[in-house]
Every structure is written in structure tokens, then in C-alpha cells.
Amino acid sequence: MSTVTVTTFSSICIRNSPTTPNADIDEIRVGTTWASVTPAGNVPTITTSGTLTSFTTTVNTPSTPQSFTVTGTNLTGNISVTAPLGFELSTDNEVSYASSNSITQVGGVASNTVFVRIASISSTGSVSGDISVSSTNATTRTLAVAGTVQAGGVVPVITTTNIPGTVGVALSTNIIASG
């Protein structure tokens, strides 16, 4: 079979031979370029699903994690998930957290729940950025995250001294709270 480039045409003729009584046509494509009439093939694709709301935590304490789902099809490499500064991720059901993780693809397919939280930060203020989800030849996906790190609460420490006395008799003492 040969290919002929036609710049203009006014009709298409289909004929069959006398020895072949039927002609089957499964598809006719018309376009201005070869790419416009050729299917794209198996393009590596990454999708994310789930919504992350604003995070809140206190100084030196990781926030409560939230999660989203990452899926990939037609992959030729693993999926890399990278958190912005101030956040950390887990791809192993919250066993361990890191600033980046990898999701393994098998046969071009991957699916995993990703947990994200504000890392243990020693200063107050806002943190925000984009989680990046990427793989070889796939369009990189991003997911916005934001939150606030607040000053930690003061836990009072109450101390007393040994109070001698008899049970059932009203006593008084000074209680000192500090912290």
C-alpha cells in the first residue's frame, strides 16, 4: 500500500473487484495534517482527585493529615509526588512522611492515596504552595495547599507542697501555677 499526499480533493471513490463482492470501510479520516488524522496513541496520563482544605497547627507540631488520590495510566515511569516547603507527604498510609515520595507503576498503571500535612515547624505564620505530581512524558499536575502555624498553647504546671492534716478537716494552702 502506498500513501499519496493530496492538497485538495472533490470526491472519494470506493470500488471493489468483481471477485470481492463486499467492501468494508471501518473509518475515513479527513484532516489537514497527518497528526490531525492519526490517533495520539497511549499517552501517559496522571490525574488527581480530592480536595484539600486549609491546614492549621501549632508550633513544633505536625498538622492533622488530609488526603488525595493519584492515578496514572499508560505510564513509562513511576510517579513522583513533591511537597512545597513546610509540608510533607506519605504514600505508605502514614507510616512515614517526607518532602517527596514515589508511587510505583506496574504495567503502566498506578493508583495511591497520598497523605499531606504541615510539617513540624518552629515558627508561626502562613505556609502555602503547590504539590507537584509528575511522571515521564505525562503532564505534571499540581494541587494547591495552604495553612497556618499558630503559637502553641501554654499548659499550666500546678505545684503544691505536702499538706499535713487530718482527713475530713478543712485545710488551706497556696497553689502556684506557672508556665
Foldseek 3Di string as FASTA:
>chain_A
DDDDDDQDDDDDDDDDDPVDPDDDDDDDDDDRDPVRRDDPPQAKEKDKDDADDAWEEAAQDKTDKDKIKMKIAQAPFWKKKAAPPQKWKDQPVPPDTDRMDTFGDDPRITMTMMIMIGHRHHDWDKDKDWIWIDGPRYDIDIHIYMYTYHHDDDDKDKDDDDDDDDPPDDDDDDIDIDD
